[in-house]
């Protein structure tokens, strides 16, 4: 029962990442701000990371590729915030 619940929760998180990414895509289309496009990209990368975790047969917590995709997503978010603040000056 617990593995099925774990898969269901991971699937729900994956779905949430995709929905948030789609919301940011919609805001990007309305405003044209690079911040929203970068956030959408970051959430799609996080959704990809979650999909990789769901399809792995081994315990994916210790896989370096999982951590690298998270790092890329968070670096995209940090770059977007830095770029937005730099553009104001």
N, C-alpha and C. Protein backbone atom coordinates (compact mmCIF):
# COMPACT_ATOMS: atom_id res chain seq x y z
N UNK A 1 0.82 -1.20 0.00
CA UNK A 1 0.00 0.00 0.00
C UNK A 1 0.86 1.26 0.00
N UNK A 2 1.91 1.27 0.78
CA UNK A 2 2.74 2.47 0.88
C UNK A 2 3.45 2.79 -0.44
N UNK A 3 4.01 1.82 -1.18
CA UNK A 3 4.62 2.19 -2.47
C UNK A 3 3.61 2.80 -3.44
N UNK A 4 2.39 2.30 -3.45
CA UNK A 4 1.36 2.88 -4.33
C UNK A 4 1.01 4.30 -3.90
N UNK A 5 0.96 4.54 -2.61
CA UNK A 5 0.69 5.88 -2.12
C UNK A 5 1.84 6.82 -2.47
N UNK A 6 3.05 6.32 -2.36
CA UNK A 6 4.23 7.11 -2.72
C UNK A 6 4.22 7.47 -4.20
N UNK A 7 3.86 6.53 -5.05
CA UNK A 7 3.76 6.81 -6.48
C UNK A 7 2.65 7.81 -6.78
N UNK A 8 1.53 7.68 -6.09
CA UNK A 8 0.43 8.62 -6.31
C UNK A 8 0.82 10.03 -5.89
N UNK A 9 1.51 10.15 -4.78
CA UNK A 9 1.94 11.48 -4.33
C UNK A 9 2.98 12.07 -5.28
N UNK A 10 3.89 11.24 -5.75
CA UNK A 10 4.89 11.72 -6.71
C UNK A 10 4.22 12.15 -8.02
N UNK A 11 3.22 11.42 -8.43
CA UNK A 11 2.47 11.80 -9.63
C UNK A 11 1.71 13.10 -9.43
N UNK A 12 1.19 13.31 -8.24
CA UNK A 12 0.49 14.56 -7.95
C UNK A 12 1.45 15.74 -7.96
N UNK A 13 2.66 15.54 -7.45
CA UNK A 13 3.67 16.60 -7.47
C UNK A 13 4.07 16.89 -8.92
N UNK A 14 4.23 15.85 -9.72
CA UNK A 14 4.55 16.03 -11.14
C UNK A 14 3.46 16.84 -11.84
N UNK A 15 2.22 16.50 -11.59
CA UNK A 15 1.10 17.23 -12.17
C UNK A 15 1.09 18.68 -11.72
N UNK A 16 1.39 18.91 -10.45
CA UNK A 16 1.45 20.28 -9.93
C UNK A 16 2.53 21.10 -10.61
N UNK A 17 3.71 20.51 -10.82
CA UNK A 17 4.78 21.22 -11.52
C UNK A 17 4.37 21.60 -12.94
N UNK A 18 3.69 20.70 -13.62
CA UNK A 18 3.26 20.98 -14.99
C UNK A 18 2.21 22.10 -15.00
N UNK A 19 1.27 22.05 -14.08
CA UNK A 19 0.24 23.08 -14.02
C UNK A 19 0.85 24.45 -13.70
N UNK A 20 1.77 24.50 -12.76
CA UNK A 20 2.43 25.76 -12.42
C UNK A 20 3.22 26.27 -13.62
N UNK A 21 3.91 25.37 -14.32
CA UNK A 21 4.64 25.78 -15.52
C UNK A 21 3.72 26.35 -16.58
N UNK A 22 2.54 25.76 -16.74
CA UNK A 22 1.58 26.28 -17.71
C UNK A 22 1.03 27.64 -17.31
N UNK A 23 0.83 27.85 -16.01
CA UNK A 23 0.40 29.17 -15.55
C UNK A 23 1.45 30.22 -15.86
N UNK A 24 2.73 29.89 -15.62
CA UNK A 24 3.78 30.85 -15.92
C UNK A 24 3.91 31.09 -17.42
N UNK A 25 3.63 30.07 -18.23
CA UNK A 25 3.63 30.28 -19.69
C UNK A 25 2.53 31.26 -20.10
N UNK A 26 1.38 31.14 -19.47
CA UNK A 26 0.28 32.05 -19.78
C UNK A 26 0.63 33.48 -19.38
N UNK A 27 1.24 33.66 -18.22
CA UNK A 27 1.64 35.00 -17.79
C UNK A 27 2.73 35.56 -18.70
N UNK A 28 3.62 34.69 -19.16
CA UNK A 28 4.67 35.14 -20.08
C UNK A 28 4.06 35.61 -21.40
N UNK A 29 3.06 34.89 -21.89
CA UNK A 29 2.40 35.31 -23.13
C UNK A 29 1.69 36.64 -22.97
N UNK A 30 1.11 36.90 -21.81
CA UNK A 30 0.42 38.16 -21.58
C UNK A 30 1.37 39.34 -21.44
N UNK A 31 2.49 39.13 -20.73
CA UNK A 31 3.37 40.26 -20.41
C UNK A 31 4.64 40.29 -21.25
N UNK A 32 5.12 39.15 -21.68
CA UNK A 32 6.37 39.09 -22.43
C UNK A 32 7.60 39.20 -21.53
N UNK A 33 7.43 39.11 -20.22
CA UNK A 33 8.54 39.21 -19.28
C UNK A 33 9.34 37.91 -19.27
N UNK A 34 10.66 38.07 -19.32
CA UNK A 34 11.53 36.89 -19.30
C UNK A 34 11.46 36.16 -17.97
N UNK A 35 11.10 36.86 -16.91
CA UNK A 35 11.00 36.22 -15.60
C UNK A 35 10.00 35.06 -15.64
N UNK A 36 8.85 35.29 -16.25
CA UNK A 36 7.82 34.25 -16.30
C UNK A 36 8.24 33.08 -17.19
N UNK A 37 8.92 33.37 -18.29
CA UNK A 37 9.38 32.27 -19.15
C UNK A 37 10.43 31.43 -18.44
N UNK A 38 11.31 32.08 -17.68
CA UNK A 38 12.33 31.33 -16.94
C UNK A 38 11.70 30.49 -15.83
N UNK A 39 10.70 31.05 -15.15
CA UNK A 39 10.02 30.27 -14.12
C UNK A 39 9.29 29.08 -14.73
N UNK A 40 8.66 29.27 -15.88
CA UNK A 40 7.98 28.17 -16.56
C UNK A 40 8.99 27.08 -16.92
N UNK A 41 10.13 27.49 -17.46
CA UNK A 41 11.18 26.52 -17.81
C UNK A 41 11.65 25.77 -16.58
N UNK A 42 11.85 26.47 -15.48
CA UNK A 42 12.31 25.82 -14.25
C UNK A 42 11.30 24.80 -13.74
N UNK A 43 10.02 25.12 -13.79
CA UNK A 43 9.03 24.17 -13.32
C UNK A 43 8.88 22.98 -14.27
N UNK A 44 9.08 23.20 -15.56
CA UNK A 44 9.07 22.06 -16.48
C UNK A 44 10.28 21.17 -16.25
N UNK A 45 11.42 21.75 -15.90
CA UNK A 45 12.60 20.96 -15.57
C UNK A 45 12.34 20.15 -14.30
N UNK A 46 11.70 20.77 -13.31
CA UNK A 46 11.36 20.03 -12.10
C UNK A 46 10.35 18.91 -12.39
N UNK A 47 9.43 19.14 -13.32
CA UNK A 47 8.50 18.08 -13.71
C UNK A 47 9.25 16.93 -14.40
N UNK A 48 10.23 17.28 -15.22
CA UNK A 48 11.05 16.25 -15.86
C UNK A 48 11.81 15.45 -14.82
N UNK A 49 12.33 16.13 -13.82
CA UNK A 49 13.05 15.45 -12.73
C UNK A 49 12.12 14.49 -12.00
N UNK A 50 10.89 14.92 -11.74
CA UNK A 50 9.94 14.06 -11.04
C UNK A 50 9.55 12.87 -11.92
N UNK A 51 9.43 13.09 -13.22
CA UNK A 51 9.12 11.98 -14.13
C UNK A 51 10.27 10.97 -14.17
N UNK A 52 11.49 11.47 -14.12
CA UNK A 52 12.63 10.55 -14.07
C UNK A 52 12.62 9.74 -12.79
N UNK A 53 12.22 10.37 -11.69
CA UNK A 53 12.15 9.63 -10.43
C UNK A 53 11.06 8.55 -10.48
N UNK A 54 9.95 8.85 -11.16
CA UNK A 54 8.86 7.88 -11.23
C UNK A 54 9.20 6.69 -12.12
N UNK A 55 10.01 6.91 -13.15
CA UNK A 55 10.30 5.82 -14.08
C UNK A 55 11.51 4.99 -13.69
N UNK A 56 12.27 5.41 -12.70
CA UNK A 56 13.44 4.65 -12.27
C UNK A 56 13.00 3.42 -11.49
N UNK A 57 13.66 2.30 -11.74
CA UNK A 57 13.35 1.07 -11.01
C UNK A 57 14.10 1.02 -9.68
N UNK A 58 15.27 1.66 -9.62
CA UNK A 58 16.06 1.69 -8.38
C UNK A 58 15.66 2.90 -7.55
N UNK A 59 16.13 2.94 -6.34
CA UNK A 59 15.85 4.08 -5.47
C UNK A 59 16.54 5.31 -6.04
N UNK A 60 15.79 6.30 -6.53
CA UNK A 60 16.39 7.42 -7.25
C UNK A 60 16.93 8.55 -6.38
N UNK A 61 16.80 8.42 -5.08
CA UNK A 61 17.19 9.52 -4.21
C UNK A 61 18.69 9.79 -4.31
N UNK A 62 19.47 8.77 -4.53
CA UNK A 62 20.92 8.94 -4.53
C UNK A 62 21.50 9.08 -5.93
N UNK A 63 20.68 9.21 -6.93
CA UNK A 63 21.17 9.35 -8.29
C UNK A 63 21.63 10.79 -8.52
N UNK A 64 22.84 10.98 -9.04
CA UNK A 64 23.34 12.34 -9.27
C UNK A 64 22.55 13.11 -10.33
N UNK A 65 21.97 12.43 -11.30
CA UNK A 65 21.24 13.12 -12.34
C UNK A 65 20.00 13.83 -11.77
N UNK A 66 19.42 13.26 -10.73
CA UNK A 66 18.27 13.89 -10.08
C UNK A 66 18.70 15.21 -9.45
N UNK A 67 19.81 15.18 -8.76
CA UNK A 67 20.30 16.40 -8.11
C UNK A 67 20.74 17.43 -9.14
N UNK A 68 21.29 16.98 -10.24
CA UNK A 68 21.73 17.92 -11.28
C UNK A 68 20.54 18.62 -11.94
N UNK A 69 19.45 17.90 -12.16
CA UNK A 69 18.29 18.55 -12.76
C UNK A 69 17.67 19.55 -11.79
N UNK A 70 17.66 19.21 -10.51
CA UNK A 70 17.17 20.18 -9.51
C UNK A 70 18.06 21.40 -9.48
N UNK A 71 19.37 21.19 -9.53
CA UNK A 71 20.31 22.30 -9.51
C UNK A 71 20.10 23.21 -10.72
N UNK A 72 19.90 22.63 -11.88
CA UNK A 72 19.66 23.43 -13.09
C UNK A 72 18.38 24.24 -12.94
N UNK A 73 17.33 23.63 -12.41
CA UNK A 73 16.06 24.35 -12.23
C UNK A 73 16.22 25.52 -11.27
N UNK A 74 16.90 25.30 -10.16
CA UNK A 74 17.07 26.38 -9.20
C UNK A 74 18.03 27.45 -9.70
N UNK A 75 19.01 27.07 -10.51
CA UNK A 75 19.88 28.07 -11.12
C UNK A 75 19.13 28.92 -12.13
N UNK A 76 18.19 28.32 -12.86
CA UNK A 76 17.37 29.09 -13.80
C UNK A 76 16.52 30.10 -13.03
N UNK A 77 15.96 29.69 -11.88
CA UNK A 77 15.17 30.61 -11.07
C UNK A 77 16.04 31.74 -10.53
N UNK A 78 17.22 31.40 -10.03
CA UNK A 78 18.12 32.43 -9.50
C UNK A 78 18.56 33.39 -10.61
N UNK A 79 18.86 32.86 -11.79
CA UNK A 79 19.24 33.73 -12.91
C UNK A 79 18.09 34.66 -13.30
N UNK A 80 16.87 34.14 -13.30
CA UNK A 80 15.72 34.96 -13.68
C UNK A 80 15.52 36.11 -12.71
N UNK A 81 15.66 35.83 -11.43
CA UNK A 81 15.51 36.90 -10.43
C UNK A 81 16.63 37.91 -10.57
N UNK A 82 17.85 37.43 -10.76
CA UNK A 82 18.99 38.33 -10.93
C UNK A 82 18.81 39.17 -12.19
N UNK A 83 18.38 38.56 -13.27
CA UNK A 83 18.21 39.28 -14.53
C UNK A 83 17.11 40.34 -14.41
N UNK A 84 16.03 40.03 -13.72
CA UNK A 84 14.96 41.00 -13.55
C UNK A 84 15.42 42.19 -12.71
N UNK A 85 16.15 41.93 -11.66
CA UNK A 85 16.63 43.02 -10.81
C UNK A 85 17.73 43.83 -11.51
N UNK A 86 18.54 43.21 -12.34
CA UNK A 86 19.59 43.90 -13.06
C UNK A 86 18.99 44.82 -14.12
N UNK A 87 17.89 44.42 -14.71
CA UNK A 87 17.27 45.21 -15.78
C UNK A 87 16.66 46.49 -15.25
N UNK A 88 16.32 46.55 -13.98
CA UNK A 88 15.71 47.75 -13.40
C UNK A 88 16.71 48.88 -13.24
N UNK A 89 17.98 48.56 -13.10
CA UNK A 89 18.99 49.60 -12.85
C UNK A 89 19.34 50.35 -14.06
